[in-house]
C-alpha atoms as a PDB file:
ATOM      1  CA  UNK A   1      43.398 -24.527  85.858  1.00  0.00           C
ATOM      2  CA  UNK A   2      39.945 -23.111  86.618  1.00  0.00           C
ATOM      3  CA  UNK A   3      39.914 -24.278  90.235  1.00  0.00           C
ATOM      4  CA  UNK A   4      43.182 -22.470  90.975  1.00  0.00           C
ATOM      5  CA  UNK A   5      41.770 -19.239  89.517  1.00  0.00           C
ATOM      6  CA  UNK A   6      38.709 -19.593  91.743  1.00  0.00           C
ATOM      7  CA  UNK A   7      40.952 -20.064  94.779  1.00  0.00           C
ATOM      8  CA  UNK A   8      42.927 -16.924  93.886  1.00  0.00           C
ATOM      9  CA  UNK A   9      39.741 -14.889  93.358  1.00  0.00           C
ATOM     10  CA  UNK A  10      38.345 -15.913  96.730  1.00  0.00           C
ATOM     11  CA  UNK A  11      41.625 -15.091  98.460  1.00  0.00           C
ATOM     12  CA  UNK A  12      41.625 -11.588  96.957  1.00  0.00           C
ATOM     13  CA  UNK A  13      37.972 -10.814  97.793  1.00  0.00           C
ATOM     14  CA  UNK A  14      38.299  -8.126 100.453  1.00  0.00           C
ATOM     15  CA  UNK A  15      34.540  -8.037 100.894  1.00  0.00           C
ATOM     16  CA  UNK A  16      34.913 -11.296 102.800  1.00  0.00           C
ATOM     17  CA  UNK A  17      36.592 -11.750 106.160  1.00  0.00           C
ATOM     18  CA  UNK A  18      39.661 -13.981 106.385  1.00  0.00           C
ATOM     19  CA  UNK A  19      37.627 -16.723 108.026  1.00  0.00           C
ATOM     20  CA  UNK A  20      34.957 -16.482 105.299  1.00  0.00           C
ATOM     21  CA  UNK A  21      37.603 -16.727 102.578  1.00  0.00           C
ATOM     22  CA  UNK A  22      39.207 -19.702 104.300  1.00  0.00           C
ATOM     23  CA  UNK A  23      35.842 -21.451 104.614  1.00  0.00           C
ATOM     24  CA  UNK A  24      35.023 -20.910 100.936  1.00  0.00           C
ATOM     25  CA  UNK A  25      38.404 -22.205  99.745  1.00  0.00           C
ATOM     26  CA  UNK A  26      38.167 -25.302 101.926  1.00  0.00           C
ATOM     27  CA  UNK A  27      34.599 -25.902 100.753  1.00  0.00           C
ATOM     28  CA  UNK A  28      35.706 -25.543  97.118  1.00  0.00           C
ATOM     29  CA  UNK A  29      38.578 -27.999  97.620  1.00  0.00           C
ATOM     30  CA  UNK A  30      36.347 -30.507  99.383  1.00  0.00           C
ATOM     31  CA  UNK A  31      33.739 -30.279  96.612  1.00  0.00           C
ATOM     32  CA  UNK A  32      36.152 -31.998  94.205  1.00  0.00           C
ATOM     33  CA  UNK A  33      35.838 -35.767  93.748  1.00  0.00           C
ATOM     34  CA  UNK A  34      37.752 -37.424  96.568  1.00  0.00           C
ATOM     35  CA  UNK A  35      41.075 -39.047  95.549  1.00  0.00           C
ATOM     36  CA  UNK A  36      40.779 -37.593  92.026  1.00  0.00           C
ATOM     37  CA  UNK A  37      43.757 -36.110  90.179  1.00  0.00           C
ATOM     38  CA  UNK A  38      41.954 -32.768  90.188  1.00  0.00           C
ATOM     39  CA  UNK A  39      41.574 -32.863  93.967  1.00  0.00           C
ATOM     40  CA  UNK A  40      45.212 -33.820  94.468  1.00  0.00           C
ATOM     41  CA  UNK A  41      46.547 -31.091  92.184  1.00  0.00           C
ATOM     42  CA  UNK A  42      44.303 -28.408  93.671  1.00  0.00           C
ATOM     43  CA  UNK A  43      45.119 -29.355  97.259  1.00  0.00           C
ATOM     44  CA  UNK A  44      48.527 -27.641  97.323  1.00  0.00           C
ATOM     45  CA  UNK A  45      47.411 -24.192  96.069  1.00  0.00           C
ATOM     46  CA  UNK A  46      44.241 -24.455  98.167  1.00  0.00           C
ATOM     47  CA  UNK A  47      45.932 -25.133 101.486  1.00  0.00           C
ATOM     48  CA  UNK A  48      48.944 -22.919 100.717  1.00  0.00           C
ATOM     49  CA  UNK A  49      46.498 -20.067 100.157  1.00  0.00           C
ATOM     50  CA  UNK A  50      44.555 -20.861 103.321  1.00  0.00           C
ATOM     51  CA  UNK A  51      47.773 -20.969 105.348  1.00  0.00           C
ATOM     52  CA  UNK A  52      48.948 -17.639 103.952  1.00  0.00           C
ATOM     53  CA  UNK A  53      45.604 -16.035 104.743  1.00  0.00           C
ATOM     54  CA  UNK A  54      45.805 -17.263 108.327  1.00  0.00           C
ATOM     55  CA  UNK A  55      49.419 -16.166 108.741  1.00  0.00           C
ATOM     56  CA  UNK A  56      48.716 -12.724 107.303  1.00  0.00           C
ATOM     57  CA  UNK A  57      45.679 -12.181 109.492  1.00  0.00           C
ATOM     58  CA  UNK A  58      45.895 -10.273 112.742  1.00  0.00           C
ATOM     59  CA  UNK A  59      47.389 -13.071 114.805  1.00  0.00           C
ATOM     60  CA  UNK A  60      45.165 -12.405 117.786  1.00  0.00           C
ATOM     61  CA  UNK A  61      42.207 -13.075 115.527  1.00  0.00           C
ATOM     62  CA  UNK A  62      43.716 -16.141 113.926  1.00  0.00           C
ATOM     63  CA  UNK A  63      42.569 -19.419 115.409  1.00  0.00           C
ATOM     64  CA  UNK A  64      45.697 -21.405 116.200  1.00  0.00           C
ATOM     65  CA  UNK A  65      43.709 -24.611 115.825  1.00  0.00           C
ATOM     66  CA  UNK A  66      42.881 -23.673 112.221  1.00  0.00           C
ATOM     67  CA  UNK A  67      46.541 -23.042 111.453  1.00  0.00           C
ATOM     68  CA  UNK A  68      47.664 -26.297 113.077  1.00  0.00           C
ATOM     69  CA  UNK A  69      45.178 -28.334 111.088  1.00  0.00           C
ATOM     70  CA  UNK A  70      46.011 -26.408 107.913  1.00  0.00           C
ATOM     71  CA  UNK A  71      49.693 -27.291 108.379  1.00  0.00           C
ATOM     72  CA  UNK A  72      48.751 -30.976 108.559  1.00  0.00           C
ATOM     73  CA  UNK A  73      46.455 -30.827 105.535  1.00  0.00           C
ATOM     74  CA  UNK A  74      49.087 -28.973 103.505  1.00  0.00           C
ATOM     75  CA  UNK A  75      51.704 -31.547 104.541  1.00  0.00           C
ATOM     76  CA  UNK A  76      49.424 -34.299 103.227  1.00  0.00           C
ATOM     77  CA  UNK A  77      48.927 -32.330 100.005  1.00  0.00           C
ATOM     78  CA  UNK A  78      52.694 -32.061  99.535  1.00  0.00           C
ATOM     79  CA  UNK A  79      53.043 -35.834  99.956  1.00  0.00           C
ATOM     80  CA  UNK A  80      50.307 -36.531  97.419  1.00  0.00           C
ATOM     81  CA  UNK A  81      52.086 -34.242  94.945  1.00  0.00           C
ATOM     82  CA  UNK A  82      55.613 -35.610  95.569  1.00  0.00           C
ATOM     83  CA  UNK A  83      56.865 -32.530  97.404  1.00  0.00           C
ATOM     84  CA  UNK A  84      58.160 -34.337 100.481  1.00  0.00           C
ATOM     85  CA  UNK A  85      60.945 -31.819 101.152  1.00  0.00           C
ATOM     86  CA  UNK A  86      58.373 -29.120 101.967  1.00  0.00           C
ATOM     87  CA  UNK A  87      56.855 -30.978 104.914  1.00  0.00           C
ATOM     88  CA  UNK A  88      59.603 -30.509 107.527  1.00  0.00           C
ATOM     89  CA  UNK A  89      59.219 -26.690 107.722  1.00  0.00           C
ATOM     90  CA  UNK A  90      55.506 -27.178 108.392  1.00  0.00           C
ATOM     91  CA  UNK A  91      56.306 -29.716 111.093  1.00  0.00           C
ATOM     92  CA  UNK A  92      58.790 -27.320 112.686  1.00  0.00           C
ATOM     93  CA  UNK A  93      56.208 -24.534 112.630  1.00  0.00           C
ATOM     94  CA  UNK A  94      53.751 -26.871 114.350  1.00  0.00           C
ATOM     95  CA  UNK A  95      56.371 -27.636 117.015  1.00  0.00           C
ATOM     96  CA  UNK A  96      57.054 -23.926 117.504  1.00  0.00           C
ATOM     97  CA  UNK A  97      53.348 -23.172 117.965  1.00  0.00           C
ATOM     98  CA  UNK A  98      52.782 -25.969 120.470  1.00  0.00           C
ATOM     99  CA  UNK A  99      55.955 -25.723 122.550  1.00  0.00           C
ATOM    100  CA  UNK A 100      55.080 -24.018 125.818  1.00  0.00           C
ATOM    101  CA  UNK A 101      51.404 -23.665 124.902  1.00  0.00           C
ATOM    102  CA  UNK A 102      48.873 -24.155 127.679  1.00  0.00           C
ATOM    103  CA  UNK A 103      45.640 -25.873 126.682  1.00  0.00           C
ATOM    104  CA  UNK A 104      42.930 -26.753 129.166  1.00  0.00           C
ATOM    105  CA  UNK A 105      39.949 -27.826 127.068  1.00  0.00           C
ATOM    106  CA  UNK A 106      39.412 -31.294 125.662  1.00  0.00           C
ATOM    107  CA  UNK A 107      38.157 -30.107 122.269  1.00  0.00           C
ATOM    108  CA  UNK A 108      41.414 -28.292 121.520  1.00  0.00           C
ATOM    109  CA  UNK A 109      43.468 -31.214 122.800  1.00  0.00           C
ATOM    110  CA  UNK A 110      41.505 -33.531 120.488  1.00  0.00           C
ATOM    111  CA  UNK A 111      42.448 -31.271 117.574  1.00  0.00           C
ATOM    112  CA  UNK A 112      46.116 -31.142 118.602  1.00  0.00           C
ATOM    113  CA  UNK A 113      46.358 -34.918 118.958  1.00  0.00           C
ATOM    114  CA  UNK A 114      44.752 -35.384 115.516  1.00  0.00           C
ATOM    115  CA  UNK A 115      46.899 -32.695 113.865  1.00  0.00           C
ATOM    116  CA  UNK A 116      50.104 -34.253 115.224  1.00  0.00           C
ATOM    117  CA  UNK A 117      49.058 -37.724 114.037  1.00  0.00           C
ATOM    118  CA  UNK A 118      48.451 -36.386 110.535  1.00  0.00           C
ATOM    119  CA  UNK A 119      51.678 -34.393 110.481  1.00  0.00           C
ATOM    120  CA  UNK A 120      53.767 -37.350 111.636  1.00  0.00           C
ATOM    121  CA  UNK A 121      52.184 -39.585 108.982  1.00  0.00           C
ATOM    122  CA  UNK A 122      53.335 -37.106 106.316  1.00  0.00           C
ATOM    123  CA  UNK A 123      56.800 -36.459 107.759  1.00  0.00           C
ATOM    124  CA  UNK A 124      59.370 -38.828 106.240  1.00  0.00           C
ATOM    125  CA  UNK A 125      63.080 -38.955 106.979  1.00  0.00           C
ATOM    126  CA  UNK A 126      62.912 -36.883 110.168  1.00  0.00           C
ATOM    127  CA  UNK A 127      62.721 -39.309 113.113  1.00  0.00           C
ATOM    128  CA  UNK A 128      63.983 -36.763 115.643  1.00  0.00           C
ATOM    129  CA  UNK A 129      61.348 -34.258 114.610  1.00  0.00           C
ATOM    130  CA  UNK A 130      58.748 -37.008 114.811  1.00  0.00           C
ATOM    131  CA  UNK A 131      59.891 -37.785 118.346  1.00  0.00           C
ATOM    132  CA  UNK A 132      59.472 -34.144 119.338  1.00  0.00           C
ATOM    133  CA  UNK A 133      55.963 -34.095 117.891  1.00  0.00           C
ATOM    134  CA  UNK A 134      54.986 -37.297 119.688  1.00  0.00           C
ATOM    135  CA  UNK A 135      56.414 -35.967 122.955  1.00  0.00           C
ATOM    136  CA  UNK A 136      54.214 -32.885 122.567  1.00  0.00           C
ATOM    137  CA  UNK A 137      51.236 -35.096 121.797  1.00  0.00           C
ATOM    138  CA  UNK A 138      51.949 -37.140 124.925  1.00  0.00           C
ATOM    139  CA  UNK A 139      52.246 -33.990 127.017  1.00  0.00           C
ATOM    140  CA  UNK A 140      48.948 -32.504 125.826  1.00  0.00           C
ATOM    141  CA  UNK A 141      47.072 -35.781 126.239  1.00  0.00           C
ATOM    142  CA  UNK A 142      48.507 -36.201 129.714  1.00  0.00           C
ATOM    143  CA  UNK A 143      47.260 -32.706 130.571  1.00  0.00           C
ATOM    144  CA  UNK A 144      43.621 -33.734 130.367  1.00  0.00           C
ATOM    145  CA  UNK A 145      41.652 -34.330 133.540  1.00  0.00           C
ATOM    146  CA  UNK A 146      40.970 -37.821 132.185  1.00  0.00           C
ATOM    147  CA  UNK A 147      43.726 -38.731 129.680  1.00  0.00           C
ATOM    148  CA  UNK A 148      43.059 -41.366 127.030  1.00  0.00           C
ATOM    149  CA  UNK A 149      45.345 -44.217 128.029  1.00  0.00           C
ATOM    150  CA  UNK A 150      45.467 -45.668 124.498  1.00  0.00           C
ATOM    151  CA  UNK A 151      46.688 -42.344 123.093  1.00  0.00           C
ATOM    152  CA  UNK A 152      49.344 -42.098 125.807  1.00  0.00           C
ATOM    153  CA  UNK A 153      50.513 -45.658 125.138  1.00  0.00           C
ATOM    154  CA  UNK A 154      50.681 -45.174 121.373  1.00  0.00           C
ATOM    155  CA  UNK A 155      52.745 -41.989 121.736  1.00  0.00           C
ATOM    156  CA  UNK A 156      55.027 -43.646 124.294  1.00  0.00           C
ATOM    157  CA  UNK A 157      55.606 -46.670 122.053  1.00  0.00           C
ATOM    158  CA  UNK A 158      56.520 -44.452 119.104  1.00  0.00           C
ATOM    159  CA  UNK A 159      58.926 -42.382 121.195  1.00  0.00           C
ATOM    160  CA  UNK A 160      60.653 -45.498 122.546  1.00  0.00           C
ATOM    161  CA  UNK A 161      60.923 -47.024 119.073  1.00  0.00           C
ATOM    162  CA  UNK A 162      62.345 -43.875 117.483  1.00  0.00           C
ATOM    163  CA  UNK A 163      64.706 -43.234 120.400  1.00  0.00           C
ATOM    164  CA  UNK A 164      66.084 -46.745 120.030  1.00  0.00           C
ATOM    165  CA  UNK A 165      66.489 -46.512 116.266  1.00  0.00           C
ATOM    166  CA  UNK A 166      68.152 -43.092 116.353  1.00  0.00           C
ATOM    167  CA  UNK A 167      70.154 -43.727 119.525  1.00  0.00           C
ATOM    168  CA  UNK A 168      68.857 -40.345 120.637  1.00  0.00           C
ATOM    169  CA  UNK A 169      67.033 -40.348 123.963  1.00  0.00           C
ATOM    170  CA  UNK A 170      66.531 -36.596 124.353  1.00  0.00           C
ATOM    171  CA  UNK A 171      62.758 -37.005 124.542  1.00  0.00           C
ATOM    172  CA  UNK A 172      62.762 -40.517 125.988  1.00  0.00           C
ATOM    173  CA  UNK A 173      65.178 -40.223 128.916  1.00  0.00           C
ATOM    174  CA  UNK A 174      63.007 -37.868 131.042  1.00  0.00           C
ATOM    175  CA  UNK A 175      60.034 -40.228 130.646  1.00  0.00           C
ATOM    176  CA  UNK A 176      61.657 -43.654 130.981  1.00  0.00           C
ATOM    177  CA  UNK A 177      60.257 -44.406 134.402  1.00  0.00           C
ATOM    178  CA  UNK A 178      56.856 -43.045 133.471  1.00  0.00           C
ATOM    179  CA  UNK A 179      56.736 -45.141 130.282  1.00  0.00           C
ATOM    180  CA  UNK A 180      57.771 -48.251 132.207  1.00  0.00           C
ATOM    181  CA  UNK A 181      54.870 -47.693 134.581  1.00  0.00           C
ATOM    182  CA  UNK A 182      52.460 -46.973 131.734  1.00  0.00           C
ATOM    183  CA  UNK A 183      53.459 -49.842 129.434  1.00  0.00           C
ATOM    184  CA  UNK A 184      55.134 -52.277 131.804  1.00  0.00           C
ATOM    185  CA  UNK A 185      58.847 -53.045 131.796  1.00  0.00           C
ATOM    186  CA  UNK A 186      58.418 -56.126 129.608  1.00  0.00           C
ATOM    187  CA  UNK A 187      56.693 -54.152 126.867  1.00  0.00           C
ATOM    188  CA  UNK A 188      59.342 -51.409 127.009  1.00  0.00           C
ATOM    189  CA  UNK A 189      62.078 -54.035 126.721  1.00  0.00           C
ATOM    190  CA  UNK A 190      60.290 -55.677 123.787  1.00  0.00           C
ATOM    191  CA  UNK A 191      60.049 -52.375 121.898  1.00  0.00           C
ATOM    192  CA  UNK A 192      63.699 -51.575 122.598  1.00  0.00           C
ATOM    193  CA  UNK A 193      64.726 -55.017 121.322  1.00  0.00           C
ATOM    194  CA  UNK A 194      62.458 -54.812 118.257  1.00  0.00           C
ATOM    195  CA  UNK A 195      62.034 -51.104 117.436  1.00  0.00           C
ATOM    196  CA  UNK A 196      61.239 -51.438 113.733  1.00  0.00           C
ATOM    197  CA  UNK A 197      57.634 -51.088 112.632  1.00  0.00           C
ATOM    198  CA  UNK A 198      56.049 -52.300 109.393  1.00  0.00           C
ATOM    199  CA  UNK A 199      56.807 -55.331 107.278  1.00  0.00           C
ATOM    200  CA  UNK A 200      59.660 -53.934 105.178  1.00  0.00           C
ATOM    201  CA  UNK A 201      63.261 -53.634 106.317  1.00  0.00           C
ATOM    202  CA  UNK A 202      64.752 -50.135 106.310  1.00  0.00           C
ATOM    203  CA  UNK A 203      68.410 -49.188 106.003  1.00  0.00           C
ATOM    204  CA  UNK A 204      69.494 -48.051 109.520  1.00  0.00           C
ATOM    205  CA  UNK A 205      71.290 -45.097 107.917  1.00  0.00           C
ATOM    206  CA  UNK A 206      67.857 -43.466 107.602  1.00  0.00           C
ATOM    207  CA  UNK A 207      67.875 -42.896 111.356  1.00  0.00           C
ATOM    208  CA  UNK A 208      71.208 -41.052 111.434  1.00  0.00           C
ATOM    209  CA  UNK A 209      71.502 -37.295 111.819  1.00  0.00           C
ATOM    210  CA  UNK A 210      73.541 -37.089 108.611  1.00  0.00           C
ATOM    211  CA  UNK A 211      70.707 -38.624 106.603  1.00  0.00           C
ATOM    212  CA  UNK A 212      68.076 -36.553 108.374  1.00  0.00           C
ATOM    213  CA  UNK A 213      69.982 -33.332 107.679  1.00  0.00           C
ATOM    214  CA  UNK A 214      70.397 -34.174 103.993  1.00  0.00           C
ATOM    215  CA  UNK A 215      67.154 -35.851 103.006  1.00  0.00           C
ATOM    216  CA  UNK A 216      65.035 -32.818 102.092  1.00  0.00           C
ATOM    217  CA  UNK A 217      67.676 -31.394  99.739  1.00  0.00           C
ATOM    218  CA  UNK A 218      68.169 -34.877  98.284  1.00  0.00           C
ATOM    219  CA  UNK A 219      64.458 -35.406  97.626  1.00  0.00           C
ATOM    220  CA  UNK A 220      64.214 -32.008  95.966  1.00  0.00           C
ATOM    221  CA  UNK A 221      67.225 -32.837  93.773  1.00  0.00           C
ATOM    222  CA  UNK A 222      65.714 -36.215  92.865  1.00  0.00           C
ATOM    223  CA  UNK A 223      62.560 -34.441  91.750  1.00  0.00           C
ATOM    224  CA  UNK A 224      64.551 -31.981  89.665  1.00  0.00           C
ATOM    225  CA  UNK A 225      66.582 -34.716  87.963  1.00  0.00           C
ATOM    226  CA  UNK A 226      63.376 -36.625  87.246  1.00  0.00           C
ATOM    227  CA  UNK A 227      62.095 -33.575  85.375  1.00  0.00           C
ATOM    228  CA  UNK A 228      59.567 -32.483  88.014  1.00  0.00           C
ATOM    229  CA  UNK A 229      57.188 -35.030  86.555  1.00  0.00           C
ATOM    230  CA  UNK A 230      54.387 -36.803  88.364  1.00  0.00           C
ATOM    231  CA  UNK A 231      55.610 -40.062  89.839  1.00  0.00           C
ATOM    232  CA  UNK A 232      53.806 -43.143  88.596  1.00  0.00           C
ATOM    233  CA  UNK A 233      53.912 -46.908  88.918  1.00  0.00           C
ATOM    234  CA  UNK A 234      57.112 -48.443  87.634  1.00  0.00           C
ATOM    235  CA  UNK A 235      59.243 -45.408  88.470  1.00  0.00           C
ATOM    236  CA  UNK A 236      60.342 -46.420  91.959  1.00  0.00           C
ATOM    237  CA  UNK A 237      63.583 -48.076  90.820  1.00  0.00           C
ATOM    238  CA  UNK A 238      64.690 -44.994  88.882  1.00  0.00           C
ATOM    239  CA  UNK A 239      63.759 -42.746  91.802  1.00  0.00           C
ATOM    240  CA  UNK A 240      65.672 -44.906  94.303  1.00  0.00           C
ATOM    241  CA  UNK A 241      68.686 -45.157  92.014  1.00  0.00           C
ATOM    242  CA  UNK A 242      68.791 -41.373  91.629  1.00  0.00           C
ATOM    243  CA  UNK A 243      68.399 -40.870  95.373  1.00  0.00           C
ATOM    244  CA  UNK A 244      71.156 -43.390  96.112  1.00  0.00           C
ATOM    245  CA  UNK A 245      73.481 -41.620  93.672  1.00  0.00           C
ATOM    246  CA  UNK A 246      72.870 -38.155  95.148  1.00  0.00           C
ATOM    247  CA  UNK A 247      73.312 -39.357  98.730  1.00  0.00           C
ATOM    248  CA  UNK A 248      76.657 -40.937  97.842  1.00  0.00           C
ATOM    249  CA  UNK A 249      77.961 -38.158  95.588  1.00  0.00           C
ATOM    250  CA  UNK A 250      76.981 -35.095  97.600  1.00  0.00           C
ATOM    251  CA  UNK A 251      76.819 -36.351 101.176  1.00  0.00           C
ATOM    252  CA  UNK A 252      79.024 -39.450 101.329  1.00  0.00           C
ATOM    253  CA  UNK A 253      76.071 -41.506 102.579  1.00  0.00           C
ATOM    254  CA  UNK A 254      75.786 -45.099 101.397  1.00  0.00           C
ATOM    255  CA  UNK A 255      72.079 -45.862 101.321  1.00  0.00           C
ATOM    256  CA  UNK A 256      70.510 -49.208 100.529  1.00  0.00           C
ATOM    257  CA  UNK A 257      67.230 -48.944  98.643  1.00  0.00           C
ATOM    258  CA  UNK A 258      64.026 -50.710  99.729  1.00  0.00           C
ATOM    259  CA  UNK A 259      64.584 -53.318  96.989  1.00  0.00           C
ATOM    260  CA  UNK A 260      68.114 -53.962  98.270  1.00  0.00           C
ATOM    261  CA  UNK A 261      66.874 -54.267 101.837  1.00  0.00           C
ATOM    262  CA  UNK A 262      63.960 -56.514 100.804  1.00  0.00           C
ATOM    263  CA  UNK A 263      65.203 -58.648  97.881  1.00  0.00           C
ATOM    264  CA  UNK A 264      62.264 -61.060  98.024  1.00  0.00           C
ATOM    265  CA  UNK A 265      59.636 -58.326  97.810  1.00  0.00           C
ATOM    266  CA  UNK A 266      58.129 -57.275  94.463  1.00  0.00           C
ATOM    267  CA  UNK A 267      58.078 -53.490  93.981  1.00  0.00           C
ATOM    268  CA  UNK A 268      56.380 -51.512  91.225  1.00  0.00           C
END
């Protein structure tokens, strides 16, 4: 693929600085027609290359904000190319970079809040990791001189919902009183009583640690059994059936598919 060769050539051009190479690769990727197959397929090698350039650079000269946003963009690229099992390591790296970090300027906090939103949107099957990310988001937003109340409330609501669904309050317990003051006790109670989001029912097993610990290996195995082909409309039932089989055979997890959980919904 010509675009991939161009990406490789830019990455190997030692006449350019790391930041110049990164800028050219991103510009090349963004020059492709938005939402096109070409853009989707090129997104993984583009952002994998950018990430490697940033990681290999002298870390003092590497902008952490660039790496955080690159992690999120690469996570989105993996989702678009059915590589869901590769997202969690990026999310964990994001957590590692942000844990204990001190940020005192609003521009960087804006970037962190946006990067976490994008990462969480791409991170499936890892509710506890999502909770950790949202707790970091809440912490950074709260650290502003003038925090955005809507951002704080959205993060708090997601933490409460996920804590209820997973029965894991590691990140919720220390903030219970604060969330009650922020949201009001009635709203907190409503979220705890109705923690599910979206219109479709989800098998509660998806919020267990057993499922969370297995899901990446399962998704990778599903992809392998499906022949590493591009997923298309009409394939969801075969994908779910394969996933259900692997979960039961290898992990002893009985999982109900979206069609089983929502029998009156038409899926394609």
